[in-house]
PDB file of N, CA and C in Angstrom:
ATOM      1  N   MET A   1     204.770 122.007 -17.827  1.00  0.00           N
ATOM      2  CA  MET A   1     203.409 121.616 -17.662  1.00  0.00           C
ATOM      3  C   MET A   1     203.309 120.134 -17.348  1.00  0.00           C
ATOM      4  N   ASN A   2     204.186 119.402 -17.908  1.00  0.00           N
ATOM      5  CA  ASN A   2     204.233 117.972 -17.683  1.00  0.00           C
ATOM      6  C   ASN A   2     204.544 117.681 -16.219  1.00  0.00           C
ATOM      7  N   LEU A   3     205.414 118.465 -15.660  1.00  0.00           N
ATOM      8  CA  LEU A   3     205.790 118.304 -14.255  1.00  0.00           C
ATOM      9  C   LEU A   3     204.597 118.619 -13.352  1.00  0.00           C
ATOM     10  N   ARG A   4     203.845 119.608 -13.748  1.00  0.00           N
ATOM     11  CA  ARG A   4     202.685 120.003 -12.969  1.00  0.00           C
ATOM     12  C   ARG A   4     201.637 118.887 -12.992  1.00  0.00           C
ATOM     13  N   LYS A   5     201.426 118.239 -14.107  1.00  0.00           N
ATOM     14  CA  LYS A   5     200.479 117.140 -14.214  1.00  0.00           C
ATOM     15  C   LYS A   5     200.941 115.959 -13.386  1.00  0.00           C
ATOM     16  N   GLN A   6     202.228 115.764 -13.273  1.00  0.00           N
ATOM     17  CA  GLN A   6     202.756 114.660 -12.467  1.00  0.00           C
ATOM     18  C   GLN A   6     202.602 114.966 -10.971  1.00  0.00           C
ATOM     19  N   GLN A   7     202.713 116.226 -10.591  1.00  0.00           N
ATOM     20  CA  GLN A   7     202.622 116.599  -9.179  1.00  0.00           C
ATOM     21  C   GLN A   7     201.167 116.654  -8.694  1.00  0.00           C
ATOM     22  N   GLN A   8     200.260 116.845  -9.604  1.00  0.00           N
ATOM     23  CA  GLN A   8     198.857 116.986  -9.223  1.00  0.00           C
ATOM     24  C   GLN A   8     198.331 115.751  -8.488  1.00  0.00           C
ATOM     25  N   PRO A   9     198.519 114.514  -8.942  1.00  0.00           N
ATOM     26  CA  PRO A   9     198.041 113.352  -8.184  1.00  0.00           C
ATOM     27  C   PRO A   9     198.738 113.219  -6.830  1.00  0.00           C
ATOM     28  N   VAL A  10     200.011 113.601  -6.790  1.00  0.00           N
ATOM     29  CA  VAL A  10     200.755 113.511  -5.528  1.00  0.00           C
ATOM     30  C   VAL A  10     200.173 114.512  -4.522  1.00  0.00           C
ATOM     31  N   ILE A  11     199.878 115.716  -4.974  1.00  0.00           N
ATOM     32  CA  ILE A  11     199.306 116.734  -4.094  1.00  0.00           C
ATOM     33  C   ILE A  11     197.937 116.275  -3.594  1.00  0.00           C
ATOM     34  N   ILE A  12     197.128 115.741  -4.491  1.00  0.00           N
ATOM     35  CA  ILE A  12     195.813 115.235  -4.102  1.00  0.00           C
ATOM     36  C   ILE A  12     195.969 114.112  -3.089  1.00  0.00           C
ATOM     37  N   LEU A  13     196.912 113.222  -3.323  1.00  0.00           N
ATOM     38  CA  LEU A  13     197.168 112.099  -2.413  1.00  0.00           C
ATOM     39  C   LEU A  13     197.621 112.602  -1.039  1.00  0.00           C
ATOM     40  N   VAL A  14     198.481 113.608  -1.012  1.00  0.00           N
ATOM     41  CA  VAL A  14     198.962 114.179   0.253  1.00  0.00           C
ATOM     42  C   VAL A  14     197.799 114.840   0.993  1.00  0.00           C
ATOM     43  N   VAL A  15     196.963 115.583   0.284  1.00  0.00           N
ATOM     44  CA  VAL A  15     195.820 116.243   0.916  1.00  0.00           C
ATOM     45  C   VAL A  15     194.854 115.201   1.469  1.00  0.00           C
ATOM     46  N   VAL A  16     194.573 114.161   0.679  1.00  0.00           N
ATOM     47  CA  VAL A  16     193.680 113.098   1.142  1.00  0.00           C
ATOM     48  C   VAL A  16     194.283 112.391   2.351  1.00  0.00           C
ATOM     49  N   ALA A  17     195.589 112.110   2.306  1.00  0.00           N
ATOM     50  CA  ALA A  17     196.264 111.451   3.432  1.00  0.00           C
ATOM     51  C   ALA A  17     196.215 112.336   4.671  1.00  0.00           C
ATOM     52  N   LEU A  18     196.424 113.639   4.473  1.00  0.00           N
ATOM     53  CA  LEU A  18     196.385 114.575   5.594  1.00  0.00           C
ATOM     54  C   LEU A  18     194.973 114.637   6.189  1.00  0.00           C
ATOM     55  N   LEU A  19     193.957 114.705   5.334  1.00  0.00           N
ATOM     56  CA  LEU A  19     192.578 114.714   5.816  1.00  0.00           C
ATOM     57  C   LEU A  19     192.245 113.414   6.548  1.00  0.00           C
ATOM     58  N   LEU A  20     192.705 112.297   5.999  1.00  0.00           N
ATOM     59  CA  LEU A  20     192.486 111.000   6.642  1.00  0.00           C
ATOM     60  C   LEU A  20     193.178 110.946   8.002  1.00  0.00           C
ATOM     61  N   PHE A  21     194.401 111.478   8.069  1.00  0.00           N
ATOM     62  CA  PHE A  21     195.142 111.500   9.333  1.00  0.00           C
ATOM     63  C   PHE A  21     194.400 112.347  10.378  1.00  0.00           C
ATOM     64  N   VAL A  22     193.933 113.531   9.963  1.00  0.00           N
ATOM     65  CA  VAL A  22     193.200 114.413  10.875  1.00  0.00           C
ATOM     66  C   VAL A  22     191.916 113.723  11.345  1.00  0.00           C
ATOM     67  N   PHE A  23     191.227 113.076  10.414  1.00  0.00           N
ATOM     68  CA  PHE A  23     190.008 112.354  10.766  1.00  0.00           C
ATOM     69  C   PHE A  23     190.298 111.255  11.784  1.00  0.00           C
ATOM     70  N   LEU A  24     191.361 110.482  11.549  1.00  0.00           N
ATOM     71  CA  LEU A  24     191.720 109.399  12.474  1.00  0.00           C
ATOM     72  C   LEU A  24     192.125 109.938  13.844  1.00  0.00           C
ATOM     73  N   VAL A  25     192.816 111.063  13.879  1.00  0.00           N
ATOM     74  CA  VAL A  25     193.204 111.673  15.159  1.00  0.00           C
ATOM     75  C   VAL A  25     191.948 112.107  15.922  1.00  0.00           C
ATOM     76  N   ARG A  26     191.016 112.728  15.218  1.00  0.00           N
ATOM     77  CA  ARG A  26     189.775 113.160  15.873  1.00  0.00           C
ATOM     78  C   ARG A  26     188.980 111.967  16.387  1.00  0.00           C
ATOM     79  N   VAL A  27     188.897 110.906  15.584  1.00  0.00           N
ATOM     80  CA  VAL A  27     188.184 109.704  16.012  1.00  0.00           C
ATOM     81  C   VAL A  27     188.856 109.110  17.241  1.00  0.00           C
ATOM     82  N   SER A  28     190.187 109.077  17.225  1.00  0.00           N
ATOM     83  CA  SER A  28     190.935 108.538  18.362  1.00  0.00           C
ATOM     84  C   SER A  28     190.682 109.367  19.625  1.00  0.00           C
ATOM     85  N   LEU A  29     190.707 110.688  19.492  1.00  0.00           N
ATOM     86  CA  LEU A  29     190.453 111.557  20.650  1.00  0.00           C
ATOM     87  C   LEU A  29     189.022 111.394  21.153  1.00  0.00           C
ATOM     88  N   ASN A  30     188.082 111.307  20.229  1.00  0.00           N
ATOM     89  CA  ASN A  30     186.684 111.098  20.628  1.00  0.00           C
ATOM     90  C   ASN A  30     186.509 109.758  21.326  1.00  0.00           C
ATOM     91  N   LEU A  31     187.214 108.746  20.827  1.00  0.00           N
ATOM     92  CA  LEU A  31     187.133 107.421  21.437  1.00  0.00           C
ATOM     93  C   LEU A  31     187.688 107.448  22.860  1.00  0.00           C
ATOM     94  N   ARG A  32     188.812 108.123  23.050  1.00  0.00           N
ATOM     95  CA  ARG A  32     189.380 108.242  24.405  1.00  0.00           C
ATOM     96  C   ARG A  32     188.416 108.984  25.328  1.00  0.00           C
ATOM     97  N   SER A  33     187.858 110.056  24.812  1.00  0.00           N
ATOM     98  CA  SER A  33     186.903 110.827  25.608  1.00  0.00           C
ATOM     99  C   SER A  33     185.685 109.975  25.945  1.00  0.00           C
ATOM    100  N   SER A  34     185.214 109.219  24.972  1.00  0.00           N
ATOM    101  CA  SER A  34     184.056 108.348  25.211  1.00  0.00           C
ATOM    102  C   SER A  34     184.382 107.286  26.247  1.00  0.00           C
ATOM    103  N   ARG A  35     185.569 106.710  26.162  1.00  0.00           N
ATOM    104  CA  ARG A  35     185.979 105.702  27.154  1.00  0.00           C
ATOM    105  C   ARG A  35     186.040 106.309  28.550  1.00  0.00           C
ATOM    106  N   ARG A  36     186.636 107.490  28.641  1.00  0.00           N
ATOM    107  CA  ARG A  36     186.742 108.162  29.935  1.00  0.00           C
ATOM    108  C   ARG A  36     185.348 108.466  30.483  1.00  0.00           C
ATOM    109  N   ASN A  37     184.476 108.983  29.636  1.00  0.00           N
ATOM    110  CA  ASN A  37     183.098 109.269  30.061  1.00  0.00           C
ATOM    111  C   ASN A  37     182.383 107.991  30.491  1.00  0.00           C
ATOM    112  N   PHE A  38     182.606 106.916  29.728  1.00  0.00           N
ATOM    113  CA  PHE A  38     181.976 105.643  30.063  1.00  0.00           C
ATOM    114  C   PHE A  38     182.453 105.156  31.429  1.00  0.00           C
ATOM    115  N   ARG A  39     183.769 105.229  31.659  1.00  0.00           N
ATOM    116  CA  ARG A  39     184.312 104.811  32.959  1.00  0.00           C
ATOM    117  C   ARG A  39     183.746 105.666  34.085  1.00  0.00           C
ATOM    118  N   ASN A  40     183.682 106.963  33.864  1.00  0.00           N
ATOM    119  CA  ASN A  40     183.133 107.857  34.891  1.00  0.00           C
ATOM    120  C   ASN A  40     181.663 107.550  35.163  1.00  0.00           C
ATOM    121  N   GLU A  41     180.905 107.320  34.097  1.00  0.00           N
ATOM    122  CA  GLU A  41     179.491 106.991  34.272  1.00  0.00           C
ATOM    123  C   GLU A  41     179.314 105.660  34.987  1.00  0.00           C
ATOM    124  N   MET A  42     180.150 104.685  34.660  1.00  0.00           N
ATOM    125  CA  MET A  42     180.058 103.383  35.324  1.00  0.00           C
ATOM    126  C   MET A  42     180.433 103.507  36.801  1.00  0.00           C
ATOM    127  N   ALA A  43     181.455 104.305  37.087  1.00  0.00           N
ATOM    128  CA  ALA A  43     181.846 104.516  38.486  1.00  0.00           C
ATOM    129  C   ALA A  43     180.719 105.223  39.241  1.00  0.00           C
ATOM    130  N   GLN A  44     180.120 106.212  38.590  1.00  0.00           N
ATOM    131  CA  GLN A  44     179.008 106.929  39.216  1.00  0.00           C
ATOM    132  C   GLN A  44     177.824 105.989  39.423  1.00  0.00           C
ATOM    133  N   ARG A  45     177.560 105.147  38.436  1.00  0.00           N
ATOM    134  CA  ARG A  45     176.455 104.190  38.560  1.00  0.00           C
ATOM    135  C   ARG A  45     176.725 103.204  39.691  1.00  0.00           C
ATOM    136  N   LEU A  46     177.963 102.745  39.788  1.00  0.00           N
ATOM    137  CA  LEU A  46     178.330 101.821  40.860  1.00  0.00           C
ATOM    138  C   LEU A  46     178.151 102.489  42.223  1.00  0.00           C
ATOM    139  N   ASP A  47     178.577 103.750  42.320  1.00  0.00           N
ATOM    140  CA  ASP A  47     178.395 104.493  43.574  1.00  0.00           C
ATOM    141  C   ASP A  47     176.911 104.618  43.920  1.00  0.00           C
ATOM    142  N   LEU A  48     176.104 104.916  42.903  1.00  0.00           N
ATOM    143  CA  LEU A  48     174.665 105.042  43.135  1.00  0.00           C
ATOM    144  C   LEU A  48     174.050 103.712  43.552  1.00  0.00           C
ATOM    145  N   GLU A  49     174.493 102.618  42.926  1.00  0.00           N
ATOM    146  CA  GLU A  49     173.975 101.301  43.298  1.00  0.00           C
ATOM    147  C   GLU A  49     174.362 100.948  44.729  1.00  0.00           C
ATOM    148  N   GLU A  50     175.599 101.284  45.113  1.00  0.00           N
ATOM    149  CA  GLU A  50     176.031 101.029  46.491  1.00  0.00           C
ATOM    150  C   GLU A  50     175.205 101.863  47.466  1.00  0.00           C
ATOM    151  N   ALA A  51     174.975 103.121  47.113  1.00  0.00           N
ATOM    152  CA  ALA A  51     174.157 103.984  47.975  1.00  0.00           C
ATOM    153  C   ALA A  51     172.734 103.442  48.065  1.00  0.00           C
ATOM    154  N   LEU A  52     172.210 102.980  46.939  1.00  0.00           N
ATOM    155  CA  LEU A  52     170.863 102.413  46.916  1.00  0.00           C
ATOM    156  C   LEU A  52     170.794 101.145  47.761  1.00  0.00           C
ATOM    157  N   ASP A  53     171.823 100.302  47.663  1.00  0.00           N
ATOM    158  CA  ASP A  53     171.871  99.094  48.496  1.00  0.00           C
ATOM    159  C   ASP A  53     171.896  99.459  49.978  1.00  0.00           C
ATOM    160  N   GLY A  54     172.691 100.472  50.313  1.00  0.00           N
ATOM    161  CA  GLY A  54     172.750 100.931  51.702  1.00  0.00           C
ATOM    162  C   GLY A  54     171.405 101.449  52.181  1.00  0.00           C
ATOM    163  N   MET A  55     170.734 102.205  51.324  1.00  0.00           N
ATOM    164  CA  MET A  55     169.420 102.734  51.686  1.00  0.00           C
ATOM    165  C   MET A  55     168.400 101.606  51.825  1.00  0.00           C
ATOM    166  N   GLU A  56     168.498 100.596  50.964  1.00  0.00           N
ATOM    167  CA  GLU A  56     167.581  99.454  51.049  1.00  0.00           C
ATOM    168  C   GLU A  56     167.815  98.685  52.350  1.00  0.00           C
ATOM    169  N   LYS A  57     169.083  98.526  52.721  1.00  0.00           N
ATOM    170  CA  LYS A  57     169.409  97.838  53.973  1.00  0.00           C
ATOM    171  C   LYS A  57     168.859  98.630  55.161  1.00  0.00           C
ATOM    172  N   GLU A  58     169.039  99.945  55.117  1.00  0.00           N
ATOM    173  CA  GLU A  58     168.507 100.810  56.174  1.00  0.00           C
ATOM    174  C   GLU A  58     166.988 100.701  56.254  1.00  0.00           C
ATOM    175  N   ARG A  59     166.342 100.680  55.083  1.00  0.00           N
ATOM    176  CA  ARG A  59     164.881 100.578  55.039  1.00  0.00           C
ATOM    177  C   ARG A  59     164.421  99.267  55.666  1.00  0.00           C
ATOM    178  N   ARG A  60     165.134  98.165  55.331  1.00  0.00           N
ATOM    179  CA  ARG A  60     164.768  96.868  55.911  1.00  0.00           C
ATOM    180  C   ARG A  60     164.934  96.888  57.424  1.00  0.00           C
ATOM    181  N   GLN A  61     166.006  97.510  57.911  1.00  0.00           N
ATOM    182  CA  GLN A  61     166.218  97.608  59.352  1.00  0.00           C
ATOM    183  C   GLN A  61     165.109  98.426  60.006  1.00  0.00           C
ATOM    184  N   MET A  62     164.720  99.515  59.358  1.00  0.00           N
ATOM    185  CA  MET A  62     163.661 100.359  59.917  1.00  0.00           C
ATOM    186  C   MET A  62     162.325  99.619  59.924  1.00  0.00           C
ATOM    187  N   VAL A  63     162.059  98.842  58.875  1.00  0.00           N
ATOM    188  CA  VAL A  63     160.816  98.060  58.829  1.00  0.00           C
ATOM    189  C   VAL A  63     160.826  97.022  59.941  1.00  0.00           C
ATOM    190  N   SER A  64     161.981  96.383  60.134  1.00  0.00           N
ATOM    191  CA  SER A  64     162.105  95.388  61.202  1.00  0.00           C
ATOM    192  C   SER A  64     161.888  96.041  62.565  1.00  0.00           C
ATOM    193  N   GLU A  65     162.484  97.199  62.753  1.00  0.00           N
ATOM    194  CA  GLU A  65     162.313  97.923  64.020  1.00  0.00           C
ATOM    195  C   GLU A  65     160.855  98.340  64.207  1.00  0.00           C
ATOM    196  N   LEU A  66     160.214  98.759  63.121  1.00  0.00           N
ATOM    197  CA  LEU A  66     158.802  99.134  63.185  1.00  0.00           C
ATOM    198  C   LEU A  66     157.939  97.940  63.574  1.00  0.00           C
ATOM    199  N   GLU A  67     158.225  96.772  63.007  1.00  0.00           N
ATOM    200  CA  GLU A  67     157.484  95.556  63.366  1.00  0.00           C
ATOM    201  C   GLU A  67     157.661  95.247  64.851  1.00  0.00           C
ATOM    202  N   SER A  68     158.901  95.393  65.327  1.00  0.00           N
ATOM    203  CA  SER A  68     159.184  95.152  66.742  1.00  0.00           C
ATOM    204  C   SER A  68     158.401  96.131  67.621  1.00  0.00           C
ATOM    205  N   LEU A  69     158.403  97.402  67.224  1.00  0.00           N
ATOM    206  CA  LEU A  69     157.670  98.410  67.999  1.00  0.00           C
ATOM    207  C   LEU A  69     156.166  98.147  67.977  1.00  0.00           C
ATOM    208  N   ARG A  70     155.663  97.683  66.836  1.00  0.00           N
ATOM    209  CA  ARG A  70     154.233  97.364  66.760  1.00  0.00           C
ATOM    210  C   ARG A  70     153.883  96.219  67.700  1.00  0.00           C
ATOM    211  N   SER A  71     154.732  95.193  67.737  1.00  0.00           N
ATOM    212  CA  SER A  71     154.439  94.066  68.629  1.00  0.00           C
ATOM    213  C   SER A  71     154.531  94.504  70.090  1.00  0.00           C
ATOM    214  N   ARG A  72     155.508  95.365  70.403  1.00  0.00           N
ATOM    215  CA  ARG A  72     155.613  95.875  71.769  1.00  0.00           C
ATOM    216  C   ARG A  72     154.401  96.726  72.127  1.00  0.00           C
ATOM    217  N   LEU A  73     153.916  97.514  71.166  1.00  0.00           N
ATOM    218  CA  LEU A  73     152.726  98.332  71.395  1.00  0.00           C
ATOM    219  C   LEU A  73     151.510  97.450  71.641  1.00  0.00           C
ATOM    220  N   ALA A  74     151.383  96.381  70.861  1.00  0.00           N
ATOM    221  CA  ALA A  74     150.251  95.467  71.054  1.00  0.00           C
ATOM    222  C   ALA A  74     150.325  94.823  72.437  1.00  0.00           C
ATOM    223  N   ALA A  75     151.533  94.411  72.848  1.00  0.00           N
ATOM    224  CA  ALA A  75     151.701  93.809  74.174  1.00  0.00           C
ATOM    225  C   ALA A  75     151.383  94.831  75.266  1.00  0.00           C
ATOM    226  N   ALA A  76     151.861  96.063  75.085  1.00  0.00           N
ATOM    227  CA  ALA A  76     151.598  97.109  76.080  1.00  0.00           C
ATOM    228  C   ALA A  76     150.105  97.431  76.141  1.00  0.00           C
ATOM    229  N   SER A  77     149.447  97.450  74.989  1.00  0.00           N
ATOM    230  CA  SER A  77     148.000  97.710  74.969  1.00  0.00           C
ATOM    231  C   SER A  77     147.246  96.614  75.701  1.00  0.00           C
ATOM    232  N   SER A  78     147.649  95.375  75.484  1.00  0.00           N
ATOM    233  CA  SER A  78     147.011  94.256  76.194  1.00  0.00           C
ATOM    234  C   SER A  78     147.229  94.380  77.694  1.00  0.00           C
ATOM    235  N   GLU A  79     148.435  94.746  78.089  1.00  0.00           N
ATOM    236  CA  GLU A  79     148.749  94.910  79.507  1.00  0.00           C
ATOM    237  C   GLU A  79     147.924  96.050  80.108  1.00  0.00           C
ATOM    238  N   ILE A  80     147.799  97.150  79.378  1.00  0.00           N
ATOM    239  CA  ILE A  80     146.993  98.279  79.858  1.00  0.00           C
ATOM    240  C   ILE A  80     145.536  97.857  80.022  1.00  0.00           C
ATOM    241  N   LYS A  81     145.025  97.108  79.059  1.00  0.00           N
ATOM    242  CA  LYS A  81     143.639  96.637  79.145  1.00  0.00           C
ATOM    243  C   LYS A  81     143.454  95.735  80.362  1.00  0.00           C
ATOM    244  N   ARG A  82     144.413  94.823  80.584  1.00  0.00           N
ATOM    245  CA  ARG A  82     144.334  93.924  81.735  1.00  0.00           C
ATOM    246  C   ARG A  82     144.384  94.716  83.038  1.00  0.00           C
ATOM    247  N   LEU A  83     145.318  95.665  83.117  1.00  0.00           N
ATOM    248  CA  LEU A  83     145.435  96.483  84.326  1.00  0.00           C
ATOM    249  C   LEU A  83     144.181  97.332  84.552  1.00  0.00           C
ATOM    250  N   SER A  84     143.600  97.831  83.471  1.00  0.00           N
ATOM    251  CA  SER A  84     142.367  98.613  83.581  1.00  0.00           C
ATOM    252  C   SER A  84     141.234  97.756  84.133  1.00  0.00           C
ATOM    253  N   GLU A  85     141.139  96.524  83.642  1.00  0.00           N
ATOM    254  CA  GLU A  85     140.116  95.606  84.156  1.00  0.00           C
ATOM    255  C   GLU A  85     140.365  95.290  85.630  1.00  0.00           C
ATOM    256  N   ASP A  86     141.643  95.073  85.985  1.00  0.00           N
ATOM    257  CA  ASP A  86     141.986  94.833  87.392  1.00  0.00           C
ATOM    258  C   ASP A  86     141.606  96.036  88.252  1.00  0.00           C
ATOM    259  N   LEU A  87     141.861  97.230  87.737  1.00  0.00           N
ATOM    260  CA  LEU A  87     141.528  98.445  88.471  1.00  0.00           C
ATOM    261  C   LEU A  87     140.016  98.550  88.689  1.00  0.00           C
ATOM    262  N   GLU A  88     139.242  98.246  87.665  1.00  0.00           N
ATOM    263  CA  GLU A  88     137.782  98.278  87.806  1.00  0.00           C
ATOM    264  C   GLU A  88     137.326  97.268  88.854  1.00  0.00           C
ATOM    265  N   THR A  89     137.933  96.085  88.837  1.00  0.00           N
ATOM    266  CA  THR A  89     137.590  95.064  89.837  1.00  0.00           C
ATOM    267  C   THR A  89     137.930  95.565  91.233  1.00  0.00           C
ATOM    268  N   LYS A  90     139.097  96.161  91.389  1.00  0.00           N
ATOM    269  CA  LYS A  90     139.518  96.684  92.695  1.00  0.00           C
ATOM    270  C   LYS A  90     138.589  97.812  93.144  1.00  0.00           C
ATOM    271  N   LYS A  91     138.184  98.669  92.196  1.00  0.00           N
ATOM    272  CA  LYS A  91     137.253  99.748  92.556  1.00  0.00           C
ATOM    273  C   LYS A  91     135.949  99.166  93.095  1.00  0.00           C
ATOM    274  N   LYS A  92     135.446  98.143  92.412  1.00  0.00           N
ATOM    275  CA  LYS A  92     134.204  97.505  92.862  1.00  0.00           C
ATOM    276  C   LYS A  92     134.389  96.889  94.242  1.00  0.00           C
ATOM    277  N   GLU A  93     135.559  96.274  94.464  1.00  0.00           N
ATOM    278  CA  GLU A  93     135.839  95.679  95.774  1.00  0.00           C
ATOM    279  C   GLU A  93     135.887  96.759  96.848  1.00  0.00           C
ATOM    280  N   VAL A  94     136.513  97.898  96.524  1.00  0.00           N
ATOM    281  CA  VAL A  94     136.610  98.998  97.488  1.00  0.00           C
ATOM    282  C   VAL A  94     135.224  99.561  97.784  1.00  0.00           C
ATOM    283  N   VAL A  95     134.417  99.752  96.753  1.00  0.00           N
ATOM    284  CA  VAL A  95     133.048 100.253  96.960  1.00  0.00           C
ATOM    285  C   VAL A  95     132.268  99.279  97.832  1.00  0.00           C
ATOM    286  N   SER A  96     132.406  97.993  97.545  1.00  0.00           N
ATOM    287  CA  SER A  96     131.712  96.973  98.334  1.00  0.00           C
ATOM    288  C   SER A  96     132.214  96.978  99.772  1.00  0.00           C
ATOM    289  N   ALA A  97     133.538  97.086  99.950  1.00  0.00           N
ATOM    290  CA  ALA A  97     134.114  97.116 101.298  1.00  0.00           C
ATOM    291  C   ALA A  97     133.643  98.357 102.051  1.00  0.00           C
ATOM    292  N   ASN A  98     133.583  99.499 101.370  1.00  0.00           N
ATOM    293  CA  ASN A  98     133.091 100.731 102.008  1.00  0.00           C
ATOM    294  C   ASN A  98     131.633 100.581 102.433  1.00  0.00           C
ATOM    295  N   ALA A  99     130.848  99.964 101.571  1.00  0.00           N
ATOM    296  CA  ALA A  99     129.430  99.754 101.911  1.00  0.00           C
ATOM    297  C   ALA A  99     129.317  98.835 103.117  1.00  0.00           C
ATOM    298  N   THR A 100     130.107  97.771 103.140  1.00  0.00           N
ATOM    299  CA  THR A 100     130.096  96.846 104.279  1.00  0.00           C
ATOM    300  C   THR A 100     130.542  97.564 105.542  1.00  0.00           C
ATOM    301  N   LEU A 101     131.561  98.392 105.427  1.00  0.00           N
ATOM    302  CA  LEU A 101     132.065  99.155 106.568  1.00  0.00           C
ATOM    303  C   LEU A 101     130.982 100.096 107.100  1.00  0.00           C
ATOM    304  N   GLU A 102     130.277 100.754 106.213  1.00  0.00           N
ATOM    305  CA  GLU A 102     129.186 101.643 106.631  1.00  0.00           C
ATOM    306  C   GLU A 102     128.098 100.859 107.372  1.00  0.00           C
ATOM    307  N   VAL A 103     127.774  99.679 106.844  1.00  0.00           N
ATOM    308  CA  VAL A 103     126.761  98.840 107.500  1.00  0.00           C
ATOM    309  C   VAL A 103     127.244  98.453 108.884  1.00  0.00           C
ATOM    310  N   LEU A 104     128.504  98.046 108.992  1.00  0.00           N
ATOM    311  CA  LEU A 104     129.064  97.653 110.288  1.00  0.00           C
ATOM    312  C   LEU A 104     129.073  98.833 111.264  1.00  0.00           C
ATOM    313  N   LYS A 105     129.420 100.025 110.772  1.00  0.00           N
ATOM    314  CA  LYS A 105     129.430 101.215 111.631  1.00  0.00           C
ATOM    315  C   LYS A 105     128.024 101.508 112.150  1.00  0.00           C
ATOM    316  N   ARG A 106     127.038 101.407 111.261  1.00  0.00           N
ATOM    317  CA  ARG A 106     125.650 101.653 111.673  1.00  0.00           C
ATOM    318  C   ARG A 106     125.197 100.616 112.696  1.00  0.00           C
ATOM    319  N   GLU A 107     125.572  99.367 112.440  1.00  0.00           N
ATOM    320  CA  GLU A 107     125.197  98.301 113.381  1.00  0.00           C
ATOM    321  C   GLU A 107     125.848  98.544 114.740  1.00  0.00           C
ATOM    322  N   LYS A 108     127.112  98.967 114.710  1.00  0.00           N
ATOM    323  CA  LYS A 108     127.828  99.220 115.958  1.00  0.00           C
ATOM    324  C   LYS A 108     127.184 100.388 116.706  1.00  0.00           C
ATOM    325  N   LYS A 109     126.827 101.437 115.954  1.00  0.00           N
ATOM    326  CA  LYS A 109     126.179 102.592 116.570  1.00  0.00           C
ATOM    327  C   LYS A 109     124.834 102.198 117.169  1.00  0.00           C
ATOM    328  N   SER A 110     124.093 101.453 116.395  1.00  0.00           N
ATOM    329  CA  SER A 110     122.768 101.067 116.888  1.00  0.00           C
ATOM    330  C   SER A 110     122.889 100.109 118.074  1.00  0.00           C
ATOM    331  N   SER A 111     123.874  99.240 118.065  1.00  0.00           N
ATOM    332  CA  SER A 111     124.037  98.319 119.196  1.00  0.00           C
ATOM    333  C   SER A 111     124.565  99.059 120.420  1.00  0.00           C
ATOM    334  N   SER A 112     125.407 100.067 120.230  1.00  0.00           N
ATOM    335  CA  SER A 112     125.914 100.813 121.376  1.00  0.00           C
ATOM    336  C   SER A 112     124.831 101.742 121.927  1.00  0.00           C
ATOM    337  N   SER A 113     123.952 102.247 121.116  1.00  0.00           N
ATOM    338  CA  SER A 113     122.882 103.105 121.614  1.00  0.00           C
ATOM    339  C   SER A 113     121.800 102.268 122.290  1.00  0.00           C
ATOM    340  N   VAL A 114     121.595 101.036 121.873  1.00  0.00           N
ATOM    341  CA  VAL A 114     120.612 100.149 122.477  1.00  0.00           C
ATOM    342  C   VAL A 114     121.126  99.701 123.850  1.00  0.00           C
ATOM    343  N   SER A 115     122.395  99.437 123.961  1.00  0.00           N
ATOM    344  CA  SER A 115     122.951  98.946 125.215  1.00  0.00           C
ATOM    345  C   SER A 115     123.007 100.044 126.258  1.00  0.00           C
ATOM    346  N   MET A 116     122.939 101.223 125.952  1.00  0.00           N
ATOM    347  CA  MET A 116     122.968 102.304 126.930  1.00  0.00           C
ATOM    348  C   MET A 116     121.663 102.472 127.516  1.00  0.00           C
TER     349      MET A 116
END
């Protein structure tokens, strides 16, 4: 019985040491897993940030191109307006020239009929 009482603290110590060892192994494995997950998440975040930067650069280029197209549209609209005004002026000149031509034709007819 004396031997059993002496072995009892040793058995308890071995069980506690074994439980502590298992706990430390689990903590170590969880820590490795957490580190791996952290690295993967950071790599994924970095990839997303790079993609976001690329998209932002593309957006800026598209905005710049849009500004350029707007200025070209404004210039083209001004040119169309100017050409339209020129066309109206030319139409008026043609109408006036046609009227003058008609007057001249009538005068010529009347002068040729008078001379006969």
